[in-house]
Amino acid sequence: MMASTHPAVDDNNALHEYVTLTVGGQQFGVPIGRVRDVFVPERLTRVPLAPAEIAGVLNLRGRIVTGIDLRSRLGIQSDQTGPAPLALGIEHNNESYGLLIDAVGDVVKLPTCDWEPNPVNLDLALAPLSAGIYRLPGRLLIILDIDRVLDVENCSTELQADGPNYSKPVGRS
């Protein structure tokens, strides 16, 4: 059985654990039950004709892992050039994925009663991929719906009319 993406609203006393991560300066949370490992992605191999969100594939301890460029998937611009320095390992439908992120933070335990649905002013690119938010002191923690994030077949980004963009570097120098 898959771990719940957002807290059950009928158990307000429950605590939910999230791994926090940063992408393009914005903080996100992923249910801890969905995270398998954190690793440094090396030697990403570009997949021809794949959507822009697919950064490539890599071999991680004998497993083929699909690298998802979370900045691209979430529609976030970043000043960082090249691939993200870290990846969050996720299993989904018996496949291994690495969500390319800028940084990993702490594991936080948050009460269900503090969870809120997406606000109406949440960025339109983020809203379909968010399972709700937590308002923390001085910041907003957006909880990612991992199932929707990994549904790259239905993502909004389409290949450019002139073909895939190979100008973005994907390997480590």
C-alpha atoms as a PDB file:
ATOM      1  CA  MET A   1       0.000   0.000   0.000  1.00  0.00           C
ATOM      2  CA  MET A   2       1.297   3.452  -0.929  1.00  0.00           C
ATOM      3  CA  ALA A   3       1.912   6.045   1.767  1.00  0.00           C
ATOM      4  CA  SER A   4      -0.611   8.840   1.965  1.00  0.00           C
ATOM      5  CA  THR A   5       0.331  12.030   0.162  1.00  0.00           C
ATOM      6  CA  HIS A   6      -1.531  14.426   2.402  1.00  0.00           C
ATOM      7  CA  PRO A   7      -2.769  14.078   5.958  1.00  0.00           C
ATOM      8  CA  ALA A   8      -6.108  12.505   6.670  1.00  0.00           C
ATOM      9  CA  VAL A   9      -8.361  15.299   7.820  1.00  0.00           C
ATOM     10  CA  ASP A  10     -10.223  13.085  10.294  1.00  0.00           C
ATOM     11  CA  ASP A  11      -7.207  12.640  12.620  1.00  0.00           C
ATOM     12  CA  ASN A  12      -6.239  16.152  13.729  1.00  0.00           C
ATOM     13  CA  ASN A  13      -3.939  14.891  16.499  1.00  0.00           C
ATOM     14  CA  ALA A  14      -1.690  12.901  14.157  1.00  0.00           C
ATOM     15  CA  LEU A  15       1.800  14.009  13.215  1.00  0.00           C
ATOM     16  CA  HIS A  16       3.064  13.560   9.677  1.00  0.00           C
ATOM     17  CA  GLU A  17       6.737  13.423   8.785  1.00  0.00           C
ATOM     18  CA  TYR A  18       8.124  15.158   5.717  1.00  0.00           C
ATOM     19  CA  VAL A  19      11.587  15.372   4.214  1.00  0.00           C
ATOM     20  CA  THR A  20      12.158  19.012   3.341  1.00  0.00           C
ATOM     21  CA  LEU A  21      13.997  19.984   0.188  1.00  0.00           C
ATOM     22  CA  THR A  22      14.839  23.142  -1.706  1.00  0.00           C
ATOM     23  CA  VAL A  23      14.392  23.746  -5.406  1.00  0.00           C
ATOM     24  CA  GLY A  24      15.093  27.183  -6.861  1.00  0.00           C
ATOM     25  CA  GLY A  25      14.919  28.831  -3.436  1.00  0.00           C
ATOM     26  CA  GLN A  26      11.461  27.401  -2.599  1.00  0.00           C
ATOM     27  CA  GLN A  27      11.029  24.840   0.152  1.00  0.00           C
ATOM     28  CA  PHE A  28       8.976  21.686  -0.426  1.00  0.00           C
ATOM     29  CA  GLY A  29       8.037  18.657   1.618  1.00  0.00           C
ATOM     30  CA  VAL A  30       7.797  15.008   0.585  1.00  0.00           C
ATOM     31  CA  PRO A  31       6.167  12.386   2.826  1.00  0.00           C
ATOM     32  CA  ILE A  32       9.062  10.513   4.447  1.00  0.00           C
ATOM     33  CA  GLY A  33       7.509   7.155   3.557  1.00  0.00           C
ATOM     34  CA  ARG A  34       8.013   7.904  -0.143  1.00  0.00           C
ATOM     35  CA  VAL A  35      11.754   8.676   0.138  1.00  0.00           C
ATOM     36  CA  ARG A  36      14.157   5.746  -0.306  1.00  0.00           C
ATOM     37  CA  ASP A  37      17.483   7.564  -0.278  1.00  0.00           C
ATOM     38  CA  VAL A  38      19.371  10.762  -1.047  1.00  0.00           C
ATOM     39  CA  PHE A  39      22.286  10.558  -3.461  1.00  0.00           C
ATOM     40  CA  VAL A  40      24.597  12.591  -5.684  1.00  0.00           C
ATOM     41  CA  PRO A  41      23.584  11.994  -9.306  1.00  0.00           C
ATOM     42  CA  GLU A  42      26.543  11.200 -11.514  1.00  0.00           C
ATOM     43  CA  ARG A  43      26.811  10.548 -15.223  1.00  0.00           C
ATOM     44  CA  LEU A  44      23.243  11.247 -16.262  1.00  0.00           C
ATOM     45  CA  THR A  45      22.637   9.960 -19.761  1.00  0.00           C
ATOM     46  CA  ARG A  46      20.191  12.026 -21.817  1.00  0.00           C
ATOM     47  CA  VAL A  47      17.173  10.139 -23.179  1.00  0.00           C
ATOM     48  CA  PRO A  48      16.507  11.224 -26.792  1.00  0.00           C
ATOM     49  CA  LEU A  49      13.055  12.739 -27.409  1.00  0.00           C
ATOM     50  CA  ALA A  50      12.165  12.620 -23.707  1.00  0.00           C
ATOM     51  CA  PRO A  51      10.220  15.529 -22.180  1.00  0.00           C
ATOM     52  CA  ALA A  52      12.317  18.339 -20.693  1.00  0.00           C
ATOM     53  CA  GLU A  53      11.449  17.100 -17.195  1.00  0.00           C
ATOM     54  CA  ILE A  54      13.413  13.897 -17.816  1.00  0.00           C
ATOM     55  CA  ALA A  55      17.020  14.893 -17.111  1.00  0.00           C
ATOM     56  CA  GLY A  56      18.287  11.438 -18.073  1.00  0.00           C
ATOM     57  CA  VAL A  57      18.963   8.018 -16.624  1.00  0.00           C
ATOM     58  CA  LEU A  58      21.754   6.790 -14.388  1.00  0.00           C
ATOM     59  CA  ASN A  59      22.984   3.610 -12.787  1.00  0.00           C
ATOM     60  CA  LEU A  60      22.671   3.654  -8.998  1.00  0.00           C
ATOM     61  CA  ARG A  61      24.031   0.539  -7.306  1.00  0.00           C
ATOM     62  CA  GLY A  62      22.928  -1.640 -10.216  1.00  0.00           C
ATOM     63  CA  ARG A  63      19.501  -0.018 -10.628  1.00  0.00           C
ATOM     64  CA  ILE A  64      18.493   2.113 -13.571  1.00  0.00           C
ATOM     65  CA  VAL A  65      17.121   5.365 -12.150  1.00  0.00           C
ATOM     66  CA  THR A  66      15.192   7.978 -14.148  1.00  0.00           C
ATOM     67  CA  GLY A  67      16.327  11.484 -13.208  1.00  0.00           C
ATOM     68  CA  ILE A  68      13.484  14.012 -13.011  1.00  0.00           C
ATOM     69  CA  ASP A  69      14.524  17.673 -13.205  1.00  0.00           C
ATOM     70  CA  LEU A  70      12.301  18.993 -10.436  1.00  0.00           C
ATOM     71  CA  ARG A  71      13.031  22.624 -11.355  1.00  0.00           C
ATOM     72  CA  SER A  72      11.688  22.030 -14.838  1.00  0.00           C
ATOM     73  CA  ARG A  73       8.784  19.888 -13.614  1.00  0.00           C
ATOM     74  CA  LEU A  74       7.677  22.575 -11.162  1.00  0.00           C
ATOM     75  CA  GLY A  75       8.214  25.455 -13.591  1.00  0.00           C
ATOM     76  CA  ILE A  76      10.854  27.046 -11.342  1.00  0.00           C
ATOM     77  CA  GLN A  77      13.678  29.112 -12.786  1.00  0.00           C
ATOM     78  CA  SER A  78      17.035  28.838 -11.075  1.00  0.00           C
ATOM     79  CA  ASP A  79      20.339  30.670 -11.282  1.00  0.00           C
ATOM     80  CA  GLN A  80      22.128  27.347 -10.903  1.00  0.00           C
ATOM     81  CA  THR A  81      23.733  26.033 -14.085  1.00  0.00           C
ATOM     82  CA  GLY A  82      24.076  22.350 -14.827  1.00  0.00           C
ATOM     83  CA  PRO A  83      22.465  19.491 -12.993  1.00  0.00           C
ATOM     84  CA  ALA A  84      21.252  19.707  -9.427  1.00  0.00           C
ATOM     85  CA  PRO A  85      23.788  18.571  -6.822  1.00  0.00           C
ATOM     86  CA  LEU A  86      21.469  16.074  -5.086  1.00  0.00           C
ATOM     87  CA  ALA A  87      18.688  13.649  -5.867  1.00  0.00           C
ATOM     88  CA  LEU A  88      15.906  12.233  -3.733  1.00  0.00           C
ATOM     89  CA  GLY A  89      15.395   8.533  -4.481  1.00  0.00           C
ATOM     90  CA  ILE A  90      11.733   7.581  -4.935  1.00  0.00           C
ATOM     91  CA  GLU A  91      10.079   4.285  -5.899  1.00  0.00           C
ATOM     92  CA  HIS A  92       6.887   4.597  -7.934  1.00  0.00           C
ATOM     93  CA  ASN A  93       5.016   1.812  -9.758  1.00  0.00           C
ATOM     94  CA  ASN A  94       8.019  -0.518  -9.364  1.00  0.00           C
ATOM     95  CA  GLU A  95      10.330   2.020 -11.049  1.00  0.00           C
ATOM     96  CA  SER A  96      13.192   3.997  -9.496  1.00  0.00           C
ATOM     97  CA  TYR A  97      13.311   7.774  -9.835  1.00  0.00           C
ATOM     98  CA  GLY A  98      15.701  10.456  -8.667  1.00  0.00           C
ATOM     99  CA  LEU A  99      14.160  13.883  -8.125  1.00  0.00           C
ATOM    100  CA  LEU A 100      16.957  16.361  -8.863  1.00  0.00           C
ATOM    101  CA  ILE A 101      16.973  18.985  -6.129  1.00  0.00           C
ATOM    102  CA  ASP A 102      19.176  21.858  -4.967  1.00  0.00           C
ATOM    103  CA  ALA A 103      19.368  20.841  -1.288  1.00  0.00           C
ATOM    104  CA  VAL A 104      17.830  18.503   1.239  1.00  0.00           C
ATOM    105  CA  GLY A 105      16.757  19.849   4.619  1.00  0.00           C
ATOM    106  CA  ASP A 106      15.462  18.336   7.801  1.00  0.00           C
ATOM    107  CA  VAL A 107      12.782  15.823   8.527  1.00  0.00           C
ATOM    108  CA  VAL A 108       9.905  17.707  10.120  1.00  0.00           C
ATOM    109  CA  LYS A 109       6.938  16.367  12.080  1.00  0.00           C
ATOM    110  CA  LEU A 110       3.853  18.482  11.485  1.00  0.00           C
ATOM    111  CA  PRO A 111       0.378  18.137  12.979  1.00  0.00           C
ATOM    112  CA  THR A 112      -2.492  17.315  10.678  1.00  0.00           C
ATOM    113  CA  CYS A 113      -4.506  20.206  12.079  1.00  0.00           C
ATOM    114  CA  ASP A 114      -1.964  22.680  10.614  1.00  0.00           C
ATOM    115  CA  TRP A 115      -2.266  21.270   7.073  1.00  0.00           C
ATOM    116  CA  GLU A 116      -4.137  23.512   4.611  1.00  0.00           C
ATOM    117  CA  PRO A 117      -5.365  22.947   1.066  1.00  0.00           C
ATOM    118  CA  ASN A 118      -3.611  24.862  -1.694  1.00  0.00           C
ATOM    119  CA  PRO A 119      -4.264  28.599  -1.435  1.00  0.00           C
ATOM    120  CA  VAL A 120      -5.981  30.197  -4.425  1.00  0.00           C
ATOM    121  CA  ASN A 121      -2.901  32.319  -5.136  1.00  0.00           C
ATOM    122  CA  LEU A 122      -0.488  29.359  -5.389  1.00  0.00           C
ATOM    123  CA  ASP A 123       1.424  29.468  -8.668  1.00  0.00           C
ATOM    124  CA  LEU A 124      -0.597  27.765 -11.405  1.00  0.00           C
ATOM    125  CA  ALA A 125       2.365  25.536 -12.334  1.00  0.00           C
ATOM    126  CA  LEU A 126       2.738  24.322  -8.732  1.00  0.00           C
ATOM    127  CA  ALA A 127      -0.924  23.886  -7.789  1.00  0.00           C
ATOM    128  CA  PRO A 128      -1.593  20.632  -9.684  1.00  0.00           C
ATOM    129  CA  LEU A 129       1.539  19.061  -8.164  1.00  0.00           C
ATOM    130  CA  SER A 130       0.873  20.187  -4.588  1.00  0.00           C
ATOM    131  CA  ALA A 131      -0.964  18.158  -1.962  1.00  0.00           C
ATOM    132  CA  GLY A 132      -1.424  21.196   0.283  1.00  0.00           C
ATOM    133  CA  ILE A 133       0.685  23.474   2.419  1.00  0.00           C
ATOM    134  CA  TYR A 134       1.907  24.168   5.924  1.00  0.00           C
ATOM    135  CA  ARG A 135       2.436  27.748   7.054  1.00  0.00           C
ATOM    136  CA  LEU A 136       5.628  27.637   9.099  1.00  0.00           C
ATOM    137  CA  PRO A 137       7.303  30.576  10.838  1.00  0.00           C
ATOM    138  CA  GLY A 138       8.648  32.798   8.055  1.00  0.00           C
ATOM    139  CA  ARG A 139       8.050  30.309   5.240  1.00  0.00           C
ATOM    140  CA  LEU A 140       5.544  28.266   3.334  1.00  0.00           C
ATOM    141  CA  LEU A 141       6.125  24.523   3.006  1.00  0.00           C
ATOM    142  CA  ILE A 142       4.494  23.129  -0.130  1.00  0.00           C
ATOM    143  CA  ILE A 143       3.808  19.402   0.133  1.00  0.00           C
ATOM    144  CA  LEU A 144       4.448  17.646  -3.169  1.00  0.00           C
ATOM    145  CA  ASP A 145       2.048  15.016  -4.470  1.00  0.00           C
ATOM    146  CA  ILE A 146       4.699  12.549  -5.639  1.00  0.00           C
ATOM    147  CA  ASP A 147       2.267  10.548  -7.787  1.00  0.00           C
ATOM    148  CA  ARG A 148       1.407  13.670  -9.789  1.00  0.00           C
ATOM    149  CA  VAL A 149       5.022  14.882  -9.906  1.00  0.00           C
ATOM    150  CA  LEU A 150       6.096  11.572 -11.425  1.00  0.00           C
ATOM    151  CA  ASP A 151       3.258  11.516 -13.952  1.00  0.00           C
ATOM    152  CA  VAL A 152       5.510  13.007 -16.613  1.00  0.00           C
ATOM    153  CA  GLU A 153       3.418  11.495 -19.425  1.00  0.00           C
ATOM    154  CA  ASN A 154       0.706  14.035 -18.631  1.00  0.00           C
ATOM    155  CA  CYS A 155       2.983  16.995 -17.942  1.00  0.00           C
ATOM    156  CA  SER A 156       2.283  20.302 -19.602  1.00  0.00           C
ATOM    157  CA  THR A 157       5.708  20.746 -21.208  1.00  0.00           C
ATOM    158  CA  GLU A 158       5.806  19.556 -24.797  1.00  0.00           C
ATOM    159  CA  LEU A 159       8.794  19.051 -27.062  1.00  0.00           C
ATOM    160  CA  GLN A 160       9.745  22.119 -29.009  1.00  0.00           C
ATOM    161  CA  ALA A 161       8.643  22.152 -32.630  1.00  0.00           C
ATOM    162  CA  ASP A 162      12.268  21.931 -33.762  1.00  0.00           C
ATOM    163  CA  GLY A 163      12.996  18.867 -31.596  1.00  0.00           C
ATOM    164  CA  PRO A 164      14.466  18.264 -28.159  1.00  0.00           C
ATOM    165  CA  ASN A 165      16.764  20.750 -26.461  1.00  0.00           C
ATOM    166  CA  TYR A 166      20.224  19.218 -26.068  1.00  0.00           C
ATOM    167  CA  SER A 167      21.918  22.472 -25.083  1.00  0.00           C
ATOM    168  CA  LYS A 168      21.343  21.979 -21.343  1.00  0.00           C
ATOM    169  CA  PRO A 169      24.286  20.107 -19.797  1.00  0.00           C
ATOM    170  CA  VAL A 170      23.284  16.960 -17.925  1.00  0.00           C
ATOM    171  CA  GLY A 171      26.579  15.330 -16.924  1.00  0.00           C
ATOM    172  CA  ARG A 172      29.001  16.268 -14.218  1.00  0.00           C
ATOM    173  CA  SER A 173      32.188  18.006 -15.364  1.00  0.00           C
END
